Amino acid sequence: MATSVNSTALLPLRDRRRLYGAALALAELSRRVILRRQASGFRKRLKADASYVTDADLEVERRLRREITRRFPEHGIIGEEFPAVNAGSPFQWILDPIDGTLSFTHGIPFFGTIIGLHHHGVPIVGVIDHPGIGLLYSAGLGLGSWRNGRRIRIRDLAPGEALEREVISAGDRSRFVQCRRGGAFDRLLRVHANVRGYADCLGHTLTAEGKVGATLDYGLKLWDLAATRILIEEAGGKYVVTYESHDEPVPNYGIIFGKPRVVDWLIPQFVGSGRS
């Protein structure tokens, strides 16, 4: 996971801009592959963890890995579908070719491609592309957060502004149970009327725009959240890791992010006494 190293002191602005541009080019590549596969058809199968993988997932990740290796042969790559390479490199590209493959196979357009670049564990570039709805969200460290080339910012609640009216996005209950937060999830539903479930990475991008007050997402792998922190923080929001497992080969994470005051209200409910 990300550390507190100040990457702005480690990487010149020109390098961050160059890497940000490379990530945008990768997103353009992945979108072309996905839209072509949607039009021509694809095969799907169940993986060992009972989640779907399609020919499109595999082709996107292969193409992205090939392009990263061509442009940055010394960089590492971590992806959902294939083994990691160059694990010792300070630069790690983290890929989820299709986040929300179940939605993709059902023709539900809320899936997305997630591309993150971390430097010494710190996110410096993040992209979430929604090919099905034509929305591209991107951010670079010190470069701002953007939707289709338009700057986006999160406006925090003003003192006295009603938190009760904020929409809160929460993922599947089963994932909270997996992370021993099922009771906290149930309590949130009882005390807050405006809890919604937005499929896949759509909740992350809606929160980066401030349309959703905060998102809680549990049972995530590193590739699921590789772009979220920088998208949120560059937009002026708050991002907190509230759960991390250490008892499995690939750790699970729980995160809360969004408008700072909403996040601060949620944290005590899912940390400490909020556990169950």
C-alpha atoms as a PDB file:
ATOM      1  CA  MET A   1       0.000   0.000   0.000  1.00  0.00           C
ATOM      2  CA  ALA A   2       0.907   3.649  -0.320  1.00  0.00           C
ATOM      3  CA  THR A   3       3.371   5.166   2.118  1.00  0.00           C
ATOM      4  CA  SER A   4       3.821   8.742   3.248  1.00  0.00           C
ATOM      5  CA  VAL A   5       6.953   9.354   1.143  1.00  0.00           C
ATOM      6  CA  ASN A   6       6.773  12.751  -0.548  1.00  0.00           C
ATOM      7  CA  SER A   7       7.115  11.815  -4.210  1.00  0.00           C
ATOM      8  CA  THR A   8       6.966  15.437  -5.324  1.00  0.00           C
ATOM      9  CA  ALA A   9      10.430  15.774  -3.790  1.00  0.00           C
ATOM     10  CA  LEU A  10      11.626  12.649  -5.615  1.00  0.00           C
ATOM     11  CA  LEU A  11      10.309  13.274  -9.116  1.00  0.00           C
ATOM     12  CA  PRO A  12      10.601  16.503 -11.116  1.00  0.00           C
ATOM     13  CA  LEU A  13       7.404  17.983 -12.493  1.00  0.00           C
ATOM     14  CA  ARG A  14       8.413  17.193 -16.082  1.00  0.00           C
ATOM     15  CA  ASP A  15       8.742  13.498 -15.200  1.00  0.00           C
ATOM     16  CA  ARG A  16       5.358  13.414 -13.503  1.00  0.00           C
ATOM     17  CA  ARG A  17       3.781  15.057 -16.552  1.00  0.00           C
ATOM     18  CA  ARG A  18       5.450  12.551 -18.859  1.00  0.00           C
ATOM     19  CA  LEU A  19       4.234   9.590 -16.810  1.00  0.00           C
ATOM     20  CA  TYR A  20       0.745  11.072 -16.586  1.00  0.00           C
ATOM     21  CA  GLY A  21       0.686  11.398 -20.376  1.00  0.00           C
ATOM     22  CA  ALA A  22       1.806   7.785 -20.701  1.00  0.00           C
ATOM     23  CA  ALA A  23      -1.059   6.631 -18.478  1.00  0.00           C
ATOM     24  CA  LEU A  24      -3.571   8.522 -20.616  1.00  0.00           C
ATOM     25  CA  ALA A  25      -2.174   6.811 -23.709  1.00  0.00           C
ATOM     26  CA  LEU A  26      -2.543   3.436 -21.995  1.00  0.00           C
ATOM     27  CA  ALA A  27      -6.169   4.227 -21.168  1.00  0.00           C
ATOM     28  CA  GLU A  28      -6.830   5.113 -24.797  1.00  0.00           C
ATOM     29  CA  LEU A  29      -5.342   1.774 -25.821  1.00  0.00           C
ATOM     30  CA  SER A  30      -7.430  -0.194 -23.330  1.00  0.00           C
ATOM     31  CA  ARG A  31     -10.616   1.597 -24.410  1.00  0.00           C
ATOM     32  CA  ARG A  32     -10.042   0.689 -28.062  1.00  0.00           C
ATOM     33  CA  VAL A  33      -9.564  -2.977 -27.177  1.00  0.00           C
ATOM     34  CA  ILE A  34     -12.637  -3.113 -24.931  1.00  0.00           C
ATOM     35  CA  LEU A  35     -14.966  -1.416 -27.415  1.00  0.00           C
ATOM     36  CA  ARG A  36     -13.751  -3.684 -30.199  1.00  0.00           C
ATOM     37  CA  ARG A  37     -14.308  -6.744 -28.028  1.00  0.00           C
ATOM     38  CA  GLN A  38     -17.780  -5.536 -27.074  1.00  0.00           C
ATOM     39  CA  ALA A  39     -18.667  -5.251 -30.745  1.00  0.00           C
ATOM     40  CA  SER A  40     -17.106  -8.529 -31.899  1.00  0.00           C
ATOM     41  CA  GLY A  41     -17.940 -10.737 -28.925  1.00  0.00           C
ATOM     42  CA  PHE A  42     -15.890 -12.505 -26.263  1.00  0.00           C
ATOM     43  CA  ARG A  43     -15.739 -15.693 -24.230  1.00  0.00           C
ATOM     44  CA  LYS A  44     -15.998 -15.808 -20.442  1.00  0.00           C
ATOM     45  CA  ARG A  45     -15.082 -18.313 -17.755  1.00  0.00           C
ATOM     46  CA  LEU A  46     -15.062 -18.555 -13.984  1.00  0.00           C
ATOM     47  CA  LYS A  47     -11.759 -18.264 -12.157  1.00  0.00           C
ATOM     48  CA  ALA A  48     -10.822 -20.171  -9.000  1.00  0.00           C
ATOM     49  CA  ASP A  49     -12.238 -17.359  -6.844  1.00  0.00           C
ATOM     50  CA  ALA A  50     -15.612 -17.673  -8.655  1.00  0.00           C
ATOM     51  CA  SER A  51     -15.219 -14.322 -10.411  1.00  0.00           C
ATOM     52  CA  TYR A  52     -15.468 -13.992 -14.181  1.00  0.00           C
ATOM     53  CA  VAL A  53     -12.631 -13.373 -16.592  1.00  0.00           C
ATOM     54  CA  THR A  54     -13.121 -12.768 -20.312  1.00  0.00           C
ATOM     55  CA  ASP A  55     -10.984 -12.728 -23.425  1.00  0.00           C
ATOM     56  CA  ALA A  56     -11.267  -8.940 -23.220  1.00  0.00           C
ATOM     57  CA  ASP A  57      -9.737  -8.791 -19.709  1.00  0.00           C
ATOM     58  CA  LEU A  58      -6.807 -10.889 -20.834  1.00  0.00           C
ATOM     59  CA  GLU A  59      -6.209  -9.000 -24.068  1.00  0.00           C
ATOM     60  CA  VAL A  60      -6.361  -5.602 -22.375  1.00  0.00           C
ATOM     61  CA  GLU A  61      -3.856  -6.576 -19.709  1.00  0.00           C
ATOM     62  CA  ARG A  62      -1.531  -8.191 -22.245  1.00  0.00           C
ATOM     63  CA  ARG A  63      -1.617  -5.105 -24.464  1.00  0.00           C
ATOM     64  CA  LEU A  64      -1.036  -2.741 -21.550  1.00  0.00           C
ATOM     65  CA  ARG A  65       1.869  -4.838 -20.248  1.00  0.00           C
ATOM     66  CA  ARG A  66       3.434  -4.941 -23.696  1.00  0.00           C
ATOM     67  CA  GLU A  67       3.203  -1.173 -24.085  1.00  0.00           C
ATOM     68  CA  ILE A  68       4.550  -0.471 -20.582  1.00  0.00           C
ATOM     69  CA  THR A  69       7.471  -2.833 -21.181  1.00  0.00           C
ATOM     70  CA  ARG A  70       8.218  -1.143 -24.506  1.00  0.00           C
ATOM     71  CA  ARG A  71       8.181   2.367 -23.030  1.00  0.00           C
ATOM     72  CA  PHE A  72       9.511   1.678 -19.528  1.00  0.00           C
ATOM     73  CA  PRO A  73      11.419  -1.645 -19.545  1.00  0.00           C
ATOM     74  CA  GLU A  74      12.816  -1.037 -16.059  1.00  0.00           C
ATOM     75  CA  HIS A  75       9.393  -0.511 -14.460  1.00  0.00           C
ATOM     76  CA  GLY A  76       7.475  -3.168 -12.558  1.00  0.00           C
ATOM     77  CA  ILE A  77       3.950  -4.327 -13.398  1.00  0.00           C
ATOM     78  CA  ILE A  78       1.300  -5.745 -11.077  1.00  0.00           C
ATOM     79  CA  GLY A  79      -1.934  -6.890 -12.679  1.00  0.00           C
ATOM     80  CA  GLU A  80      -5.010  -8.882 -11.788  1.00  0.00           C
ATOM     81  CA  GLU A  81      -4.670 -11.541 -14.454  1.00  0.00           C
ATOM     82  CA  PHE A  82      -0.930 -12.270 -14.819  1.00  0.00           C
ATOM     83  CA  PRO A  83       2.113 -12.560 -12.517  1.00  0.00           C
ATOM     84  CA  ALA A  84       4.023  -9.493 -11.400  1.00  0.00           C
ATOM     85  CA  VAL A  85       7.269  -8.499 -13.124  1.00  0.00           C
ATOM     86  CA  ASN A  86      10.214  -6.381 -11.927  1.00  0.00           C
ATOM     87  CA  ALA A  87       9.002  -6.530  -8.341  1.00  0.00           C
ATOM     88  CA  GLY A  88      12.035  -4.618  -7.070  1.00  0.00           C
ATOM     89  CA  SER A  89      11.546  -1.560  -9.257  1.00  0.00           C
ATOM     90  CA  PRO A  90      10.660   1.715  -7.501  1.00  0.00           C
ATOM     91  CA  PHE A  91       8.074   2.295 -10.257  1.00  0.00           C
ATOM     92  CA  GLN A  92       5.125  -0.108 -10.270  1.00  0.00           C
ATOM     93  CA  TRP A  93       2.294   0.019 -12.791  1.00  0.00           C
ATOM     94  CA  ILE A  94      -0.829  -1.531 -11.259  1.00  0.00           C
ATOM     95  CA  LEU A  95      -3.529  -2.732 -13.645  1.00  0.00           C
ATOM     96  CA  ASP A  96      -7.113  -3.899 -13.466  1.00  0.00           C
ATOM     97  CA  PRO A  97      -8.022  -4.396 -17.134  1.00  0.00           C
ATOM     98  CA  ILE A  98     -11.768  -4.567 -16.491  1.00  0.00           C
ATOM     99  CA  ASP A  99     -12.939  -3.736 -12.993  1.00  0.00           C
ATOM    100  CA  GLY A 100     -16.472  -5.098 -12.962  1.00  0.00           C
ATOM    101  CA  THR A 101     -16.197  -8.008 -15.373  1.00  0.00           C
ATOM    102  CA  LEU A 102     -19.615  -9.254 -14.227  1.00  0.00           C
ATOM    103  CA  SER A 103     -21.148  -5.959 -15.334  1.00  0.00           C
ATOM    104  CA  PHE A 104     -19.184  -6.136 -18.595  1.00  0.00           C
ATOM    105  CA  THR A 105     -20.546  -9.618 -19.383  1.00  0.00           C
ATOM    106  CA  HIS A 106     -24.123  -8.430 -18.709  1.00  0.00           C
ATOM    107  CA  GLY A 107     -23.830  -5.310 -20.832  1.00  0.00           C
ATOM    108  CA  ILE A 108     -23.985  -3.010 -17.793  1.00  0.00           C
ATOM    109  CA  PRO A 109     -21.750  -0.034 -18.671  1.00  0.00           C
ATOM    110  CA  PHE A 110     -20.404   0.844 -15.218  1.00  0.00           C
ATOM    111  CA  PHE A 111     -17.208  -1.251 -15.474  1.00  0.00           C
ATOM    112  CA  GLY A 112     -13.865   0.466 -15.902  1.00  0.00           C
ATOM    113  CA  THR A 113     -10.174   0.055 -16.609  1.00  0.00           C
ATOM    114  CA  ILE A 114      -7.964   1.016 -13.659  1.00  0.00           C
ATOM    115  CA  ILE A 115      -4.368   2.112 -14.234  1.00  0.00           C
ATOM    116  CA  GLY A 116      -2.179   3.282 -11.401  1.00  0.00           C
ATOM    117  CA  LEU A 117       1.512   4.129 -11.194  1.00  0.00           C
ATOM    118  CA  HIS A 118       3.138   4.062  -7.773  1.00  0.00           C
ATOM    119  CA  HIS A 119       6.654   5.297  -7.001  1.00  0.00           C
ATOM    120  CA  HIS A 120       8.213   3.828  -3.864  1.00  0.00           C
ATOM    121  CA  GLY A 121       4.665   2.845  -2.872  1.00  0.00           C
ATOM    122  CA  VAL A 122       3.214   6.336  -3.390  1.00  0.00           C
ATOM    123  CA  PRO A 123       0.540   6.841  -6.067  1.00  0.00           C
ATOM    124  CA  ILE A 124       1.762   9.395  -8.613  1.00  0.00           C
ATOM    125  CA  VAL A 125      -0.647   8.717 -11.478  1.00  0.00           C
ATOM    126  CA  GLY A 126      -4.161   7.278 -11.515  1.00  0.00           C
ATOM    127  CA  VAL A 127      -6.682   6.649 -14.277  1.00  0.00           C
ATOM    128  CA  ILE A 128     -10.147   5.112 -14.211  1.00  0.00           C
ATOM    129  CA  ASP A 129     -11.710   4.867 -17.655  1.00  0.00           C
ATOM    130  CA  HIS A 130     -15.386   3.967 -18.216  1.00  0.00           C
ATOM    131  CA  PRO A 131     -15.500   2.996 -21.913  1.00  0.00           C
ATOM    132  CA  GLY A 132     -19.184   2.079 -21.753  1.00  0.00           C
ATOM    133  CA  ILE A 133     -20.255   5.599 -20.762  1.00  0.00           C
ATOM    134  CA  GLY A 134     -17.433   7.576 -22.341  1.00  0.00           C
ATOM    135  CA  LEU A 135     -15.950   8.992 -19.127  1.00  0.00           C
ATOM    136  CA  LEU A 136     -12.242   9.154 -18.380  1.00  0.00           C
ATOM    137  CA  TYR A 137     -11.043  10.179 -14.897  1.00  0.00           C
ATOM    138  CA  SER A 138      -7.357  10.902 -14.368  1.00  0.00           C
ATOM    139  CA  ALA A 139      -4.987  12.491 -11.895  1.00  0.00           C
ATOM    140  CA  GLY A 140      -1.282  13.122 -11.455  1.00  0.00           C
ATOM    141  CA  LEU A 141       0.593  14.070  -8.319  1.00  0.00           C
ATOM    142  CA  GLY A 142       0.570  17.861  -8.166  1.00  0.00           C
ATOM    143  CA  LEU A 143      -1.290  17.970 -11.506  1.00  0.00           C
ATOM    144  CA  GLY A 144      -4.906  17.915 -10.334  1.00  0.00           C
ATOM    145  CA  SER A 145      -7.805  15.548 -10.922  1.00  0.00           C
ATOM    146  CA  TRP A 146      -9.729  15.569 -14.205  1.00  0.00           C
ATOM    147  CA  ARG A 147     -12.812  14.189 -15.978  1.00  0.00           C
ATOM    148  CA  ASN A 148     -12.589  14.161 -19.779  1.00  0.00           C
ATOM    149  CA  GLY A 149     -10.089  17.007 -19.580  1.00  0.00           C
ATOM    150  CA  ARG A 150     -12.143  19.145 -17.172  1.00  0.00           C
ATOM    151  CA  ARG A 151     -10.723  19.861 -13.706  1.00  0.00           C
ATOM    152  CA  ILE A 152     -12.802  18.338 -10.908  1.00  0.00           C
ATOM    153  CA  ARG A 153     -12.779  19.320  -7.240  1.00  0.00           C
ATOM    154  CA  ILE A 154     -14.488  18.014  -4.132  1.00  0.00           C
ATOM    155  CA  ARG A 155     -16.285  20.645  -2.083  1.00  0.00           C
ATOM    156  CA  ASP A 156     -16.327  19.715   1.595  1.00  0.00           C
ATOM    157  CA  LEU A 157     -19.376  20.315   3.748  1.00  0.00           C
ATOM    158  CA  ALA A 158     -19.490  23.751   5.341  1.00  0.00           C
ATOM    159  CA  PRO A 159     -19.928  24.012   9.138  1.00  0.00           C
ATOM    160  CA  GLY A 160     -23.560  23.368   9.930  1.00  0.00           C
ATOM    161  CA  GLU A 161     -24.311  21.872   6.499  1.00  0.00           C
ATOM    162  CA  ALA A 162     -26.498  18.778   6.844  1.00  0.00           C
ATOM    163  CA  LEU A 163     -24.477  15.593   6.591  1.00  0.00           C
ATOM    164  CA  GLU A 164     -27.720  13.596   6.590  1.00  0.00           C
ATOM    165  CA  ARG A 165     -28.435  14.664   3.008  1.00  0.00           C
ATOM    166  CA  GLU A 166     -25.159  13.326   1.653  1.00  0.00           C
ATOM    167  CA  VAL A 167     -25.238  10.171  -0.476  1.00  0.00           C
ATOM    168  CA  ILE A 168     -22.898   7.478   0.821  1.00  0.00           C
ATOM    169  CA  SER A 169     -21.847   4.640  -1.444  1.00  0.00           C
ATOM    170  CA  ALA A 170     -21.133   1.239   0.069  1.00  0.00           C
ATOM    171  CA  GLY A 171     -20.074  -1.917  -1.729  1.00  0.00           C
ATOM    172  CA  ASP A 172     -21.481  -5.413  -1.367  1.00  0.00           C
ATOM    173  CA  ARG A 173     -22.340  -6.458   2.193  1.00  0.00           C
ATOM    174  CA  SER A 174     -20.579  -9.796   1.685  1.00  0.00           C
ATOM    175  CA  ARG A 175     -17.270  -7.976   1.298  1.00  0.00           C
ATOM    176  CA  PHE A 176     -17.789  -6.136   4.597  1.00  0.00           C
ATOM    177  CA  VAL A 177     -18.535  -9.475   6.257  1.00  0.00           C
ATOM    178  CA  GLN A 178     -15.357 -10.901   4.731  1.00  0.00           C
ATOM    179  CA  CYS A 179     -13.440  -8.060   6.412  1.00  0.00           C
ATOM    180  CA  ARG A 180     -15.323  -8.483   9.731  1.00  0.00           C
ATOM    181  CA  ARG A 181     -17.273  -5.252   9.263  1.00  0.00           C
ATOM    182  CA  GLY A 182     -20.733  -6.700   8.603  1.00  0.00           C
ATOM    183  CA  GLY A 183     -22.172  -5.272  11.821  1.00  0.00           C
ATOM    184  CA  ALA A 184     -20.819  -1.799  11.051  1.00  0.00           C
ATOM    185  CA  PHE A 185     -22.344  -2.008   7.567  1.00  0.00           C
ATOM    186  CA  ASP A 186     -25.750  -2.909   9.029  1.00  0.00           C
ATOM    187  CA  ARG A 187     -25.583  -0.095  11.569  1.00  0.00           C
ATOM    188  CA  LEU A 188     -24.785   2.420   8.821  1.00  0.00           C
ATOM    189  CA  LEU A 189     -27.927   1.382   6.944  1.00  0.00           C
ATOM    190  CA  ARG A 190     -29.963   1.971  10.097  1.00  0.00           C
ATOM    191  CA  VAL A 191     -28.590   5.431  10.889  1.00  0.00           C
ATOM    192  CA  HIS A 192     -28.186   6.921   7.414  1.00  0.00           C
ATOM    193  CA  ALA A 193     -31.051   6.959   4.936  1.00  0.00           C
ATOM    194  CA  ASN A 194     -29.017   7.788   1.843  1.00  0.00           C
ATOM    195  CA  VAL A 195     -26.750   4.766   1.477  1.00  0.00           C
ATOM    196  CA  ARG A 196     -26.502   3.567  -2.111  1.00  0.00           C
ATOM    197  CA  GLY A 197     -24.563   0.824  -3.845  1.00  0.00           C
ATOM    198  CA  TYR A 198     -22.824   1.910  -7.062  1.00  0.00           C
ATOM    199  CA  ALA A 199     -21.404  -0.975  -9.036  1.00  0.00           C
ATOM    200  CA  ASP A 200     -17.711  -1.502  -9.615  1.00  0.00           C
ATOM    201  CA  CYS A 201     -15.412   1.551  -9.784  1.00  0.00           C
ATOM    202  CA  LEU A 202     -18.300   3.897 -10.634  1.00  0.00           C
ATOM    203  CA  GLY A 203     -18.675   4.782  -6.952  1.00  0.00           C
ATOM    204  CA  HIS A 204     -15.020   5.814  -6.892  1.00  0.00           C
ATOM    205  CA  THR A 205     -15.347   8.191  -9.829  1.00  0.00           C
ATOM    206  CA  LEU A 206     -18.663   9.659  -8.650  1.00  0.00           C
ATOM    207  CA  THR A 207     -16.966  10.391  -5.328  1.00  0.00           C
ATOM    208  CA  ALA A 208     -13.966  12.002  -7.039  1.00  0.00           C
ATOM    209  CA  GLU A 209     -16.428  14.496  -8.539  1.00  0.00           C
ATOM    210  CA  GLY A 210     -18.122  15.150  -5.202  1.00  0.00           C
ATOM    211  CA  LYS A 211     -21.459  13.817  -6.445  1.00  0.00           C
ATOM    212  CA  VAL A 212     -21.269  11.119  -3.770  1.00  0.00           C
ATOM    213  CA  GLY A 213     -20.324  12.380  -0.313  1.00  0.00           C
ATOM    214  CA  ALA A 214     -18.160   9.376   0.529  1.00  0.00           C
ATOM    215  CA  THR A 215     -17.589   5.783  -0.488  1.00  0.00           C
ATOM    216  CA  LEU A 216     -16.806   2.786   1.678  1.00  0.00           C
ATOM    217  CA  ASP A 217     -15.332  -0.134  -0.244  1.00  0.00           C
ATOM    218  CA  TYR A 218     -14.106  -3.318   1.420  1.00  0.00           C
ATOM    219  CA  GLY A 219     -12.619  -6.594   0.218  1.00  0.00           C
ATOM    220  CA  LEU A 220     -10.492  -4.859  -2.411  1.00  0.00           C
ATOM    221  CA  LYS A 221      -7.222  -5.974  -3.940  1.00  0.00           C
ATOM    222  CA  LEU A 222      -4.413  -3.564  -4.748  1.00  0.00           C
ATOM    223  CA  TRP A 223      -5.444  -3.281  -8.414  1.00  0.00           C
ATOM    224  CA  ASP A 224      -8.997  -2.318  -7.386  1.00  0.00           C
ATOM    225  CA  LEU A 225      -7.800   0.811  -5.571  1.00  0.00           C
ATOM    226  CA  ALA A 226      -4.586   1.628  -7.445  1.00  0.00           C
ATOM    227  CA  ALA A 227      -5.943   4.890  -8.902  1.00  0.00           C
ATOM    228  CA  THR A 228      -8.433   5.976  -6.248  1.00  0.00           C
ATOM    229  CA  ARG A 229      -6.241   7.708  -3.680  1.00  0.00           C
ATOM    230  CA  ILE A 230      -4.641  10.132  -6.105  1.00  0.00           C
ATOM    231  CA  LEU A 231      -7.959  10.855  -7.857  1.00  0.00           C
ATOM    232  CA  ILE A 232      -9.534  11.742  -4.510  1.00  0.00           C
ATOM    233  CA  GLU A 233      -6.637  13.642  -2.943  1.00  0.00           C
ATOM    234  CA  GLU A 234      -5.854  15.672  -6.061  1.00  0.00           C
ATOM    235  CA  ALA A 235      -9.542  16.663  -6.120  1.00  0.00           C
ATOM    236  CA  GLY A 236      -9.290  17.877  -2.507  1.00  0.00           C
ATOM    237  CA  GLY A 237     -10.879  14.880  -0.808  1.00  0.00           C
ATOM    238  CA  LYS A 238      -9.781  12.575   1.996  1.00  0.00           C
ATOM    239  CA  TYR A 239      -8.718   8.939   1.578  1.00  0.00           C
ATOM    240  CA  VAL A 240      -8.166   6.534   4.486  1.00  0.00           C
ATOM    241  CA  VAL A 241      -7.248   2.841   4.597  1.00  0.00           C
ATOM    242  CA  THR A 242      -9.348   1.398   7.427  1.00  0.00           C
ATOM    243  CA  TYR A 243      -8.681  -2.312   6.939  1.00  0.00           C
ATOM    244  CA  GLU A 244      -5.794  -4.420   5.675  1.00  0.00           C
ATOM    245  CA  SER A 245      -5.553  -8.200   5.928  1.00  0.00           C
ATOM    246  CA  HIS A 246      -2.244  -9.953   6.486  1.00  0.00           C
ATOM    247  CA  ASP A 247      -3.395 -13.579   6.448  1.00  0.00           C
ATOM    248  CA  GLU A 248      -3.523 -14.324   2.717  1.00  0.00           C
ATOM    249  CA  PRO A 249      -1.133 -14.180  -0.265  1.00  0.00           C
ATOM    250  CA  VAL A 250      -2.877 -11.155  -1.806  1.00  0.00           C
ATOM    251  CA  PRO A 251      -4.079  -8.778   0.960  1.00  0.00           C
ATOM    252  CA  ASN A 252      -7.609  -7.417   1.175  1.00  0.00           C
ATOM    253  CA  TYR A 253      -8.174  -3.727   1.899  1.00  0.00           C
ATOM    254  CA  GLY A 254     -10.984  -1.564   3.162  1.00  0.00           C
ATOM    255  CA  ILE A 255     -11.018   2.134   2.290  1.00  0.00           C
ATOM    256  CA  ILE A 256     -13.171   5.179   3.033  1.00  0.00           C
ATOM    257  CA  PHE A 257     -12.835   8.303   0.900  1.00  0.00           C
ATOM    258  CA  GLY A 258     -14.656  11.423  -0.200  1.00  0.00           C
ATOM    259  CA  LYS A 259     -15.588  14.751   1.361  1.00  0.00           C
ATOM    260  CA  PRO A 260     -13.400  15.134   4.473  1.00  0.00           C
ATOM    261  CA  ARG A 261     -16.217  15.807   6.946  1.00  0.00           C
ATOM    262  CA  VAL A 262     -18.230  12.835   5.709  1.00  0.00           C
ATOM    263  CA  VAL A 263     -15.172  10.580   5.854  1.00  0.00           C
ATOM    264  CA  ASP A 264     -14.392  11.740   9.395  1.00  0.00           C
ATOM    265  CA  TRP A 265     -17.955  10.882  10.428  1.00  0.00           C
ATOM    266  CA  LEU A 266     -17.689   7.385   8.969  1.00  0.00           C
ATOM    267  CA  ILE A 267     -14.266   6.367  10.261  1.00  0.00           C
ATOM    268  CA  PRO A 268     -15.218   5.733  13.938  1.00  0.00           C
ATOM    269  CA  GLN A 269     -18.088   3.522  12.794  1.00  0.00           C
ATOM    270  CA  PHE A 270     -15.716   1.170  10.969  1.00  0.00           C
ATOM    271  CA  VAL A 271     -12.590   1.377  13.112  1.00  0.00           C
ATOM    272  CA  GLY A 272     -12.253   0.394  16.759  1.00  0.00           C
ATOM    273  CA  SER A 273     -15.672   0.078  18.387  1.00  0.00           C
ATOM    274  CA  GLY A 274     -17.324  -0.197  14.983  1.00  0.00           C
ATOM    275  CA  ARG A 275     -15.777  -3.615  14.322  1.00  0.00           C
ATOM    276  CA  SER A 276     -17.850  -6.770  14.237  1.00  0.00           C
END
